[in-house]
């Protein structure tokens, strides 16, 4: 007798049962859809980095930004501030108002509440006047099962 259930294969011959799993334990490398945002009009090159590189749901993630001049590559050292808004696929918003950009760098810590697509929107201000907007798209992966066979074997499963 042979039956297929999800990604498991069960074979029953003389009351013996064998199972084989087809789990994909690879870590995605494309969490950030666009790591760089350019503004030729405002002469800006803004990059984003995450720590950890692949965020874990319900764990703190450090989101770092770096602002450089597009023409020279030097860090921006003028008095800039930024409002940061993070949205998710369900329409929820979380805002970090008035982040000071010091020596071209600034960062925030955030806990991603679930997997799926999230968008980070930066609104830049110079002397309290808005002058440009940047946007980054993040794809937070669904948590991957552990590589440890015994912990995987005894986890609750949806059938």
C-alpha atoms as a PDB file:
ATOM      1  CA  UNK A   1       0.000   0.000   0.000  1.00  0.00           C
ATOM      2  CA  UNK A   2       1.342   3.454  -0.905  1.00  0.00           C
ATOM      3  CA  UNK A   3      -0.259   6.789   0.017  1.00  0.00           C
ATOM      4  CA  UNK A   4       0.852  10.358  -0.556  1.00  0.00           C
ATOM      5  CA  UNK A   5       0.050  12.982   2.075  1.00  0.00           C
ATOM      6  CA  UNK A   6       1.485  16.453   1.468  1.00  0.00           C
ATOM      7  CA  UNK A   7       5.214  16.046   1.014  1.00  0.00           C
ATOM      8  CA  UNK A   8       5.437  12.776   2.931  1.00  0.00           C
ATOM      9  CA  UNK A   9       5.466   9.313   1.433  1.00  0.00           C
ATOM     10  CA  UNK A  10       4.275   6.379   3.508  1.00  0.00           C
ATOM     11  CA  UNK A  11       4.820   2.782   2.503  1.00  0.00           C
ATOM     12  CA  UNK A  12       3.233  -0.055   4.444  1.00  0.00           C
ATOM     13  CA  UNK A  13       4.572  -3.520   3.690  1.00  0.00           C
ATOM     14  CA  UNK A  14       4.097  -6.187   6.325  1.00  0.00           C
ATOM     15  CA  UNK A  15       3.188  -3.507   8.933  1.00  0.00           C
ATOM     16  CA  UNK A  16       6.448  -1.572   8.437  1.00  0.00           C
ATOM     17  CA  UNK A  17       6.147   2.196   7.994  1.00  0.00           C
ATOM     18  CA  UNK A  18       8.788   4.450   6.444  1.00  0.00           C
ATOM     19  CA  UNK A  19       8.630   8.226   5.969  1.00  0.00           C
ATOM     20  CA  UNK A  20      10.696  10.600   3.889  1.00  0.00           C
ATOM     21  CA  UNK A  21      10.515  14.367   4.155  1.00  0.00           C
ATOM     22  CA  UNK A  22      11.057  16.874   1.368  1.00  0.00           C
ATOM     23  CA  UNK A  23      11.703  19.968   3.503  1.00  0.00           C
ATOM     24  CA  UNK A  24      13.406  22.949   1.932  1.00  0.00           C
ATOM     25  CA  UNK A  25      15.813  24.246   4.581  1.00  0.00           C
ATOM     26  CA  UNK A  26      17.446  26.881   2.399  1.00  0.00           C
ATOM     27  CA  UNK A  27      17.600  30.428   3.733  1.00  0.00           C
ATOM     28  CA  UNK A  28      16.365  33.014   1.249  1.00  0.00           C
ATOM     29  CA  UNK A  29      18.982  35.529   0.169  1.00  0.00           C
ATOM     30  CA  UNK A  30      16.625  38.063  -1.417  1.00  0.00           C
ATOM     31  CA  UNK A  31      14.941  39.542   1.671  1.00  0.00           C
ATOM     32  CA  UNK A  32      15.421  43.103   0.381  1.00  0.00           C
ATOM     33  CA  UNK A  33      13.976  43.615  -3.111  1.00  0.00           C
ATOM     34  CA  UNK A  34      15.875  46.894  -3.637  1.00  0.00           C
ATOM     35  CA  UNK A  35      18.907  47.547  -1.404  1.00  0.00           C
ATOM     36  CA  UNK A  36      19.628  50.936  -3.002  1.00  0.00           C
ATOM     37  CA  UNK A  37      17.408  53.907  -3.748  1.00  0.00           C
ATOM     38  CA  UNK A  38      18.725  56.711  -5.973  1.00  0.00           C
ATOM     39  CA  UNK A  39      17.547  60.287  -6.424  1.00  0.00           C
ATOM     40  CA  UNK A  40      19.332  62.096  -9.259  1.00  0.00           C
ATOM     41  CA  UNK A  41      17.297  65.234  -8.555  1.00  0.00           C
ATOM     42  CA  UNK A  42      18.469  65.408  -4.911  1.00  0.00           C
ATOM     43  CA  UNK A  43      21.912  63.836  -5.532  1.00  0.00           C
ATOM     44  CA  UNK A  44      21.277  61.011  -3.022  1.00  0.00           C
ATOM     45  CA  UNK A  45      22.190  57.331  -2.851  1.00  0.00           C
ATOM     46  CA  UNK A  46      20.422  55.604   0.061  1.00  0.00           C
ATOM     47  CA  UNK A  47      21.199  52.000   1.021  1.00  0.00           C
ATOM     48  CA  UNK A  48      19.582  49.681   3.543  1.00  0.00           C
ATOM     49  CA  UNK A  49      21.062  46.782   5.547  1.00  0.00           C
ATOM     50  CA  UNK A  50      19.414  44.381   7.985  1.00  0.00           C
ATOM     51  CA  UNK A  51      20.890  42.677  11.030  1.00  0.00           C
ATOM     52  CA  UNK A  52      20.211  39.779  10.967  1.00  0.00           C
ATOM     53  CA  UNK A  53      20.229  39.652   7.168  1.00  0.00           C
ATOM     54  CA  UNK A  54      17.123  37.475   7.220  1.00  0.00           C
ATOM     55  CA  UNK A  55      14.789  38.840   9.925  1.00  0.00           C
ATOM     56  CA  UNK A  56      13.050  36.427  12.265  1.00  0.00           C
ATOM     57  CA  UNK A  57       9.404  37.000  13.078  1.00  0.00           C
ATOM     58  CA  UNK A  58       8.865  38.385  16.609  1.00  0.00           C
ATOM     59  CA  UNK A  59      12.605  39.071  17.065  1.00  0.00           C
ATOM     60  CA  UNK A  60      14.388  42.431  16.969  1.00  0.00           C
ATOM     61  CA  UNK A  61      15.896  43.452  13.627  1.00  0.00           C
ATOM     62  CA  UNK A  62      18.318  46.362  13.278  1.00  0.00           C
ATOM     63  CA  UNK A  63      17.495  48.319  10.109  1.00  0.00           C
ATOM     64  CA  UNK A  64      20.427  50.505   9.067  1.00  0.00           C
ATOM     65  CA  UNK A  65      20.439  53.250   6.446  1.00  0.00           C
ATOM     66  CA  UNK A  66      23.333  55.029   4.808  1.00  0.00           C
ATOM     67  CA  UNK A  67      22.908  58.276   2.846  1.00  0.00           C
ATOM     68  CA  UNK A  68      25.609  59.266   0.363  1.00  0.00           C
ATOM     69  CA  UNK A  69      25.951  61.941  -2.275  1.00  0.00           C
ATOM     70  CA  UNK A  70      25.320  60.359  -5.646  1.00  0.00           C
ATOM     71  CA  UNK A  71      27.993  62.313  -7.519  1.00  0.00           C
ATOM     72  CA  UNK A  72      30.910  61.978  -5.053  1.00  0.00           C
ATOM     73  CA  UNK A  73      30.010  58.925  -2.949  1.00  0.00           C
ATOM     74  CA  UNK A  74      30.705  60.880   0.258  1.00  0.00           C
ATOM     75  CA  UNK A  75      28.443  60.473   3.269  1.00  0.00           C
ATOM     76  CA  UNK A  76      25.902  63.272   3.632  1.00  0.00           C
ATOM     77  CA  UNK A  77      26.900  65.493   6.552  1.00  0.00           C
ATOM     78  CA  UNK A  78      24.246  68.219   6.347  1.00  0.00           C
ATOM     79  CA  UNK A  79      21.468  68.470   8.928  1.00  0.00           C
ATOM     80  CA  UNK A  80      18.931  65.977   7.638  1.00  0.00           C
ATOM     81  CA  UNK A  81      16.180  64.115   9.453  1.00  0.00           C
ATOM     82  CA  UNK A  82      13.911  61.315   8.308  1.00  0.00           C
ATOM     83  CA  UNK A  83      10.526  59.952   9.246  1.00  0.00           C
ATOM     84  CA  UNK A  84      10.334  56.184   8.794  1.00  0.00           C
ATOM     85  CA  UNK A  85       7.078  54.350   8.116  1.00  0.00           C
ATOM     86  CA  UNK A  86       6.902  50.549   7.920  1.00  0.00           C
ATOM     87  CA  UNK A  87       3.831  48.952   6.364  1.00  0.00           C
ATOM     88  CA  UNK A  88       2.879  45.318   5.863  1.00  0.00           C
ATOM     89  CA  UNK A  89       0.629  43.353   3.525  1.00  0.00           C
ATOM     90  CA  UNK A  90      -2.337  43.752   5.937  1.00  0.00           C
ATOM     91  CA  UNK A  91      -2.130  47.567   5.827  1.00  0.00           C
ATOM     92  CA  UNK A  92      -0.708  48.010   9.331  1.00  0.00           C
ATOM     93  CA  UNK A  93       1.591  51.016   9.864  1.00  0.00           C
ATOM     94  CA  UNK A  94       4.388  51.641  12.340  1.00  0.00           C
ATOM     95  CA  UNK A  95       6.096  55.045  12.411  1.00  0.00           C
ATOM     96  CA  UNK A  96       9.462  56.262  13.677  1.00  0.00           C
ATOM     97  CA  UNK A  97       9.225  60.074  13.666  1.00  0.00           C
ATOM     98  CA  UNK A  98      12.188  62.418  13.209  1.00  0.00           C
ATOM     99  CA  UNK A  99      15.239  60.194  13.033  1.00  0.00           C
ATOM    100  CA  UNK A 100      18.406  62.307  13.038  1.00  0.00           C
ATOM    101  CA  UNK A 101      20.878  61.455  10.271  1.00  0.00           C
ATOM    102  CA  UNK A 102      24.372  61.766  11.728  1.00  0.00           C
ATOM    103  CA  UNK A 103      27.357  61.474   9.376  1.00  0.00           C
ATOM    104  CA  UNK A 104      25.105  59.991   6.703  1.00  0.00           C
ATOM    105  CA  UNK A 105      23.874  57.102   8.871  1.00  0.00           C
ATOM    106  CA  UNK A 106      20.830  56.283  10.962  1.00  0.00           C
ATOM    107  CA  UNK A 107      19.084  53.145  12.171  1.00  0.00           C
ATOM    108  CA  UNK A 108      16.003  51.813  13.948  1.00  0.00           C
ATOM    109  CA  UNK A 109      15.107  48.525  15.597  1.00  0.00           C
ATOM    110  CA  UNK A 110      11.880  46.819  14.611  1.00  0.00           C
ATOM    111  CA  UNK A 111      10.102  43.529  15.292  1.00  0.00           C
ATOM    112  CA  UNK A 112       8.447  42.125  12.183  1.00  0.00           C
ATOM    113  CA  UNK A 113       5.093  40.717  13.372  1.00  0.00           C
ATOM    114  CA  UNK A 114       4.613  38.283  10.485  1.00  0.00           C
ATOM    115  CA  UNK A 115       5.986  37.048   7.189  1.00  0.00           C
ATOM    116  CA  UNK A 116       5.167  38.465   3.780  1.00  0.00           C
ATOM    117  CA  UNK A 117       5.874  41.730   2.033  1.00  0.00           C
ATOM    118  CA  UNK A 118       6.734  44.838   4.054  1.00  0.00           C
ATOM    119  CA  UNK A 119       7.549  48.318   2.756  1.00  0.00           C
ATOM    120  CA  UNK A 120       9.830  50.875   4.413  1.00  0.00           C
ATOM    121  CA  UNK A 121       9.132  54.465   3.415  1.00  0.00           C
ATOM    122  CA  UNK A 122      11.618  57.216   4.285  1.00  0.00           C
ATOM    123  CA  UNK A 123      10.567  60.875   4.200  1.00  0.00           C
ATOM    124  CA  UNK A 124      13.598  63.180   4.249  1.00  0.00           C
ATOM    125  CA  UNK A 125      13.590  66.685   5.729  1.00  0.00           C
ATOM    126  CA  UNK A 126      16.109  69.501   5.537  1.00  0.00           C
ATOM    127  CA  UNK A 127      15.505  72.300   8.063  1.00  0.00           C
ATOM    128  CA  UNK A 128      11.969  70.951   8.741  1.00  0.00           C
ATOM    129  CA  UNK A 129      11.067  71.036   5.034  1.00  0.00           C
ATOM    130  CA  UNK A 130      10.256  67.765   3.262  1.00  0.00           C
ATOM    131  CA  UNK A 131      12.282  67.327   0.087  1.00  0.00           C
ATOM    132  CA  UNK A 132      12.325  63.674  -1.000  1.00  0.00           C
ATOM    133  CA  UNK A 133      10.920  60.192  -0.328  1.00  0.00           C
ATOM    134  CA  UNK A 134      12.603  56.775  -0.606  1.00  0.00           C
ATOM    135  CA  UNK A 135      11.025  53.320  -0.493  1.00  0.00           C
ATOM    136  CA  UNK A 136      12.352  49.809   0.140  1.00  0.00           C
ATOM    137  CA  UNK A 137      10.496  46.505  -0.252  1.00  0.00           C
ATOM    138  CA  UNK A 138      11.252  43.612   2.125  1.00  0.00           C
ATOM    139  CA  UNK A 139      10.041  40.043   1.772  1.00  0.00           C
ATOM    140  CA  UNK A 140      10.118  38.479   5.226  1.00  0.00           C
ATOM    141  CA  UNK A 141      10.225  34.680   4.839  1.00  0.00           C
ATOM    142  CA  UNK A 142       8.029  32.218   6.644  1.00  0.00           C
ATOM    143  CA  UNK A 143       9.953  30.608   9.541  1.00  0.00           C
ATOM    144  CA  UNK A 144      11.916  27.556   8.424  1.00  0.00           C
ATOM    145  CA  UNK A 145      11.814  24.321  10.391  1.00  0.00           C
ATOM    146  CA  UNK A 146      14.848  23.286  12.386  1.00  0.00           C
ATOM    147  CA  UNK A 147      17.518  21.130  10.716  1.00  0.00           C
ATOM    148  CA  UNK A 148      17.524  18.856  13.761  1.00  0.00           C
ATOM    149  CA  UNK A 149      15.619  15.713  12.747  1.00  0.00           C
ATOM    150  CA  UNK A 150      14.355  14.870  16.245  1.00  0.00           C
ATOM    151  CA  UNK A 151      12.963  18.362  16.913  1.00  0.00           C
ATOM    152  CA  UNK A 152      11.365  18.319  13.456  1.00  0.00           C
ATOM    153  CA  UNK A 153       9.890  14.867  14.061  1.00  0.00           C
ATOM    154  CA  UNK A 154       8.090  15.893  17.258  1.00  0.00           C
ATOM    155  CA  UNK A 155       6.736  19.289  16.131  1.00  0.00           C
ATOM    156  CA  UNK A 156       2.970  19.594  15.655  1.00  0.00           C
ATOM    157  CA  UNK A 157       2.002  19.359  11.965  1.00  0.00           C
ATOM    158  CA  UNK A 158      -1.006  20.563   9.985  1.00  0.00           C
ATOM    159  CA  UNK A 159      -2.568  17.723   7.995  1.00  0.00           C
END
